[in-house]
Amino acid sequence: MMRNGAAKKPGRDRGSMSVEMVLLTPAFVVLMLFLVGVGRVVEAQGQADGAARDAARAASVQRYSAQVGGAVTQAADQDLNPQAGKNICPGGITAGWQPNTNPATNVQTTVVCTINLAVVPGLGTMQITGKAVAPLDTYVQRNW
């Protein structure tokens, strides 16, 4: 036998699951958008570092200093170019280089990539910088 106050009234909990879903769904959506944005930044950083590494290697095997800038830009463009199916930097790519010491034994490259974070509402663009250093190839006679 149940006492008068101990019995549950039917339908008292109705709709509580709907209220929980309405309150938690926006939080899950915001969390997912945040993860998408962070994933895009991490992927772009890896791509920019890889492009800088390839650009440094391209610069290290050039014979004339006048050819280095073009080789660096071409190597970075090949890694980050939208025609290659990557479309990581739709905002543009800037690549530069400099000899690391005097006399030069290393070459340092910098690749700046502008990524679009508009997939996450409220975010615009962000610049990602990749840097790399490569030793100059000792088997190439240089006229720098």
C-alpha atoms as a PDB file:
ATOM      1  CA  MET A   1       0.000   0.000   0.000  1.00  0.00           C
ATOM      2  CA  MET A   2       1.114   3.473  -0.800  1.00  0.00           C
ATOM      3  CA  ARG A   3       0.564   6.536   1.190  1.00  0.00           C
ATOM      4  CA  ASN A   4      -1.294   9.381  -0.382  1.00  0.00           C
ATOM      5  CA  GLY A   5       1.740  11.644  -1.023  1.00  0.00           C
ATOM      6  CA  ALA A   6       4.164   8.881  -2.094  1.00  0.00           C
ATOM      7  CA  ALA A   7       2.505   7.923  -5.373  1.00  0.00           C
ATOM      8  CA  LYS A   8       3.826   9.686  -8.456  1.00  0.00           C
ATOM      9  CA  LYS A   9       1.324  11.515 -10.478  1.00  0.00           C
ATOM     10  CA  PRO A  10       1.382  10.415 -14.089  1.00  0.00           C
ATOM     11  CA  GLY A  11       2.740  12.962 -16.574  1.00  0.00           C
ATOM     12  CA  ARG A  12       4.664  15.056 -14.073  1.00  0.00           C
ATOM     13  CA  ASP A  13       8.015  14.486 -15.891  1.00  0.00           C
ATOM     14  CA  ARG A  14       6.604  14.915 -19.371  1.00  0.00           C
ATOM     15  CA  GLY A  15       8.639  17.247 -21.549  1.00  0.00           C
ATOM     16  CA  SER A  16      11.776  17.296 -19.402  1.00  0.00           C
ATOM     17  CA  MET A  17      13.778  15.537 -22.116  1.00  0.00           C
ATOM     18  CA  SER A  18      12.703  18.148 -24.650  1.00  0.00           C
ATOM     19  CA  VAL A  19      13.814  20.956 -22.360  1.00  0.00           C
ATOM     20  CA  GLU A  20      17.212  19.283 -21.852  1.00  0.00           C
ATOM     21  CA  MET A  21      17.628  18.864 -25.609  1.00  0.00           C
ATOM     22  CA  VAL A  22      16.709  22.504 -26.274  1.00  0.00           C
ATOM     23  CA  LEU A  23      19.232  23.690 -23.686  1.00  0.00           C
ATOM     24  CA  LEU A  24      22.118  21.384 -24.681  1.00  0.00           C
ATOM     25  CA  THR A  25      21.893  21.469 -28.495  1.00  0.00           C
ATOM     26  CA  PRO A  26      23.319  25.009 -28.877  1.00  0.00           C
ATOM     27  CA  ALA A  27      26.217  24.102 -26.591  1.00  0.00           C
ATOM     28  CA  PHE A  28      27.023  21.050 -28.726  1.00  0.00           C
ATOM     29  CA  VAL A  29      26.799  23.090 -31.931  1.00  0.00           C
ATOM     30  CA  VAL A  30      29.180  25.731 -30.536  1.00  0.00           C
ATOM     31  CA  LEU A  31      31.589  23.001 -29.420  1.00  0.00           C
ATOM     32  CA  MET A  32      31.561  21.403 -32.873  1.00  0.00           C
ATOM     33  CA  LEU A  33      32.160  24.764 -34.611  1.00  0.00           C
ATOM     34  CA  PHE A  34      35.044  25.452 -32.242  1.00  0.00           C
ATOM     35  CA  LEU A  35      36.598  22.070 -33.054  1.00  0.00           C
ATOM     36  CA  VAL A  36      36.222  22.713 -36.797  1.00  0.00           C
ATOM     37  CA  GLY A  37      37.959  26.093 -36.438  1.00  0.00           C
ATOM     38  CA  VAL A  38      40.820  24.683 -34.358  1.00  0.00           C
ATOM     39  CA  GLY A  39      41.233  21.780 -36.782  1.00  0.00           C
ATOM     40  CA  ARG A  40      41.460  24.175 -39.711  1.00  0.00           C
ATOM     41  CA  VAL A  41      44.140  26.248 -37.958  1.00  0.00           C
ATOM     42  CA  VAL A  42      46.188  23.166 -37.026  1.00  0.00           C
ATOM     43  CA  GLU A  43      45.984  21.781 -40.577  1.00  0.00           C
ATOM     44  CA  ALA A  44      46.997  25.146 -42.069  1.00  0.00           C
ATOM     45  CA  GLN A  45      49.954  25.407 -39.671  1.00  0.00           C
ATOM     46  CA  GLY A  46      51.173  21.973 -40.745  1.00  0.00           C
ATOM     47  CA  GLN A  47      50.788  22.863 -44.417  1.00  0.00           C
ATOM     48  CA  ALA A  48      52.631  26.186 -43.965  1.00  0.00           C
ATOM     49  CA  ASP A  49      55.487  24.460 -42.126  1.00  0.00           C
ATOM     50  CA  GLY A  50      55.718  21.851 -44.879  1.00  0.00           C
ATOM     51  CA  ALA A  51      55.734  24.532 -47.570  1.00  0.00           C
ATOM     52  CA  ALA A  52      58.488  26.430 -45.727  1.00  0.00           C
ATOM     53  CA  ARG A  53      60.522  23.222 -45.458  1.00  0.00           C
ATOM     54  CA  ASP A  54      60.168  22.520 -49.175  1.00  0.00           C
ATOM     55  CA  ALA A  55      60.983  26.147 -50.002  1.00  0.00           C
ATOM     56  CA  ALA A  56      64.120  25.998 -47.834  1.00  0.00           C
ATOM     57  CA  ARG A  57      65.257  22.865 -49.628  1.00  0.00           C
ATOM     58  CA  ALA A  58      64.608  24.491 -53.016  1.00  0.00           C
ATOM     59  CA  ALA A  59      66.627  27.534 -51.941  1.00  0.00           C
ATOM     60  CA  SER A  60      69.512  25.426 -50.652  1.00  0.00           C
ATOM     61  CA  VAL A  61      70.223  23.854 -54.046  1.00  0.00           C
ATOM     62  CA  GLN A  62      70.167  27.049 -56.143  1.00  0.00           C
ATOM     63  CA  ARG A  63      73.387  28.138 -57.775  1.00  0.00           C
ATOM     64  CA  TYR A  64      72.709  31.870 -58.151  1.00  0.00           C
ATOM     65  CA  SER A  65      71.195  34.146 -55.532  1.00  0.00           C
ATOM     66  CA  ALA A  66      68.958  35.740 -58.170  1.00  0.00           C
ATOM     67  CA  GLN A  67      67.223  32.367 -58.666  1.00  0.00           C
ATOM     68  CA  VAL A  68      66.531  31.724 -54.988  1.00  0.00           C
ATOM     69  CA  GLY A  69      63.477  33.988 -54.629  1.00  0.00           C
ATOM     70  CA  GLY A  70      61.713  32.407 -57.590  1.00  0.00           C
ATOM     71  CA  ALA A  71      62.528  28.876 -56.394  1.00  0.00           C
ATOM     72  CA  VAL A  72      61.213  29.651 -52.901  1.00  0.00           C
ATOM     73  CA  THR A  73      57.958  31.111 -54.221  1.00  0.00           C
ATOM     74  CA  GLN A  74      57.463  28.279 -56.697  1.00  0.00           C
ATOM     75  CA  ALA A  75      58.026  25.593 -54.041  1.00  0.00           C
ATOM     76  CA  ALA A  76      55.592  27.264 -51.623  1.00  0.00           C
ATOM     77  CA  ASP A  77      52.988  27.724 -54.364  1.00  0.00           C
ATOM     78  CA  GLN A  78      53.223  24.067 -55.364  1.00  0.00           C
ATOM     79  CA  ASP A  79      52.556  22.991 -51.791  1.00  0.00           C
ATOM     80  CA  LEU A  80      49.734  25.422 -51.043  1.00  0.00           C
ATOM     81  CA  ASN A  81      48.222  26.082 -54.463  1.00  0.00           C
ATOM     82  CA  PRO A  82      44.438  25.573 -54.783  1.00  0.00           C
ATOM     83  CA  GLN A  83      44.950  23.832 -58.162  1.00  0.00           C
ATOM     84  CA  ALA A  84      46.746  21.058 -56.286  1.00  0.00           C
ATOM     85  CA  GLY A  85      43.429  20.383 -54.530  1.00  0.00           C
ATOM     86  CA  LYS A  86      44.527  21.679 -51.116  1.00  0.00           C
ATOM     87  CA  ASN A  87      43.001  25.183 -51.017  1.00  0.00           C
ATOM     88  CA  ILE A  88      44.536  25.794 -47.596  1.00  0.00           C
ATOM     89  CA  CYS A  89      45.463  29.428 -48.229  1.00  0.00           C
ATOM     90  CA  PRO A  90      42.764  31.024 -50.366  1.00  0.00           C
ATOM     91  CA  GLY A  91      43.728  34.407 -48.920  1.00  0.00           C
ATOM     92  CA  GLY A  92      47.194  34.324 -50.458  1.00  0.00           C
ATOM     93  CA  ILE A  93      50.739  33.118 -49.894  1.00  0.00           C
ATOM     94  CA  THR A  94      53.847  35.173 -49.176  1.00  0.00           C
ATOM     95  CA  ALA A  95      57.245  33.465 -49.265  1.00  0.00           C
ATOM     96  CA  GLY A  96      60.628  34.965 -48.427  1.00  0.00           C
ATOM     97  CA  TRP A  97      64.162  33.851 -47.694  1.00  0.00           C
ATOM     98  CA  GLN A  98      67.452  35.022 -46.246  1.00  0.00           C
ATOM     99  CA  PRO A  99      70.914  33.553 -45.763  1.00  0.00           C
ATOM    100  CA  ASN A 100      71.233  32.549 -42.121  1.00  0.00           C
ATOM    101  CA  THR A 101      74.908  33.374 -41.477  1.00  0.00           C
ATOM    102  CA  ASN A 102      77.746  35.263 -43.128  1.00  0.00           C
ATOM    103  CA  PRO A 103      79.273  33.457 -44.988  1.00  0.00           C
ATOM    104  CA  ALA A 104      76.040  31.668 -45.716  1.00  0.00           C
ATOM    105  CA  THR A 105      75.909  28.038 -44.585  1.00  0.00           C
ATOM    106  CA  ASN A 106      72.151  27.884 -44.066  1.00  0.00           C
ATOM    107  CA  VAL A 107      69.138  29.415 -45.704  1.00  0.00           C
ATOM    108  CA  GLN A 108      65.993  30.360 -43.788  1.00  0.00           C
ATOM    109  CA  THR A 109      62.575  30.603 -45.412  1.00  0.00           C
ATOM    110  CA  THR A 110      59.320  32.046 -44.163  1.00  0.00           C
ATOM    111  CA  VAL A 111      55.904  31.260 -45.639  1.00  0.00           C
ATOM    112  CA  VAL A 112      52.927  33.380 -44.576  1.00  0.00           C
ATOM    113  CA  CYS A 113      49.542  31.898 -45.367  1.00  0.00           C
ATOM    114  CA  THR A 114      46.216  33.708 -44.930  1.00  0.00           C
ATOM    115  CA  ILE A 115      43.458  31.232 -44.108  1.00  0.00           C
ATOM    116  CA  ASN A 116      39.721  31.780 -44.155  1.00  0.00           C
ATOM    117  CA  LEU A 117      37.896  30.857 -40.943  1.00  0.00           C
ATOM    118  CA  ALA A 118      34.466  31.956 -42.157  1.00  0.00           C
ATOM    119  CA  VAL A 119      33.209  28.386 -41.733  1.00  0.00           C
ATOM    120  CA  VAL A 120      32.930  29.356 -38.062  1.00  0.00           C
ATOM    121  CA  PRO A 121      30.513  32.267 -37.670  1.00  0.00           C
ATOM    122  CA  GLY A 122      32.134  35.376 -36.271  1.00  0.00           C
ATOM    123  CA  LEU A 123      35.679  34.548 -37.399  1.00  0.00           C
ATOM    124  CA  GLY A 124      37.318  36.141 -40.409  1.00  0.00           C
ATOM    125  CA  THR A 125      40.826  35.439 -41.645  1.00  0.00           C
ATOM    126  CA  MET A 126      44.010  34.491 -39.840  1.00  0.00           C
ATOM    127  CA  GLN A 127      47.662  34.569 -40.860  1.00  0.00           C
ATOM    128  CA  ILE A 128      49.702  31.424 -40.289  1.00  0.00           C
ATOM    129  CA  THR A 129      53.504  31.605 -40.492  1.00  0.00           C
ATOM    130  CA  GLY A 130      55.732  28.643 -41.278  1.00  0.00           C
ATOM    131  CA  LYS A 131      59.509  28.867 -40.919  1.00  0.00           C
ATOM    132  CA  ALA A 132      62.275  26.466 -41.886  1.00  0.00           C
ATOM    133  CA  VAL A 133      66.058  26.391 -42.050  1.00  0.00           C
ATOM    134  CA  ALA A 134      68.027  24.167 -44.428  1.00  0.00           C
ATOM    135  CA  PRO A 135      71.787  23.803 -44.856  1.00  0.00           C
ATOM    136  CA  LEU A 136      73.187  24.884 -48.192  1.00  0.00           C
ATOM    137  CA  ASP A 137      74.002  21.960 -50.436  1.00  0.00           C
ATOM    138  CA  THR A 138      77.774  21.496 -50.300  1.00  0.00           C
ATOM    139  CA  TYR A 139      77.936  19.962 -53.786  1.00  0.00           C
ATOM    140  CA  VAL A 140      76.629  23.058 -55.559  1.00  0.00           C
ATOM    141  CA  GLN A 141      79.124  25.753 -56.550  1.00  0.00           C
ATOM    142  CA  ARG A 142      77.484  29.072 -55.740  1.00  0.00           C
ATOM    143  CA  ASN A 143      77.917  32.547 -57.123  1.00  0.00           C
ATOM    144  CA  TRP A 144      76.173  34.453 -54.340  1.00  0.00           C
END
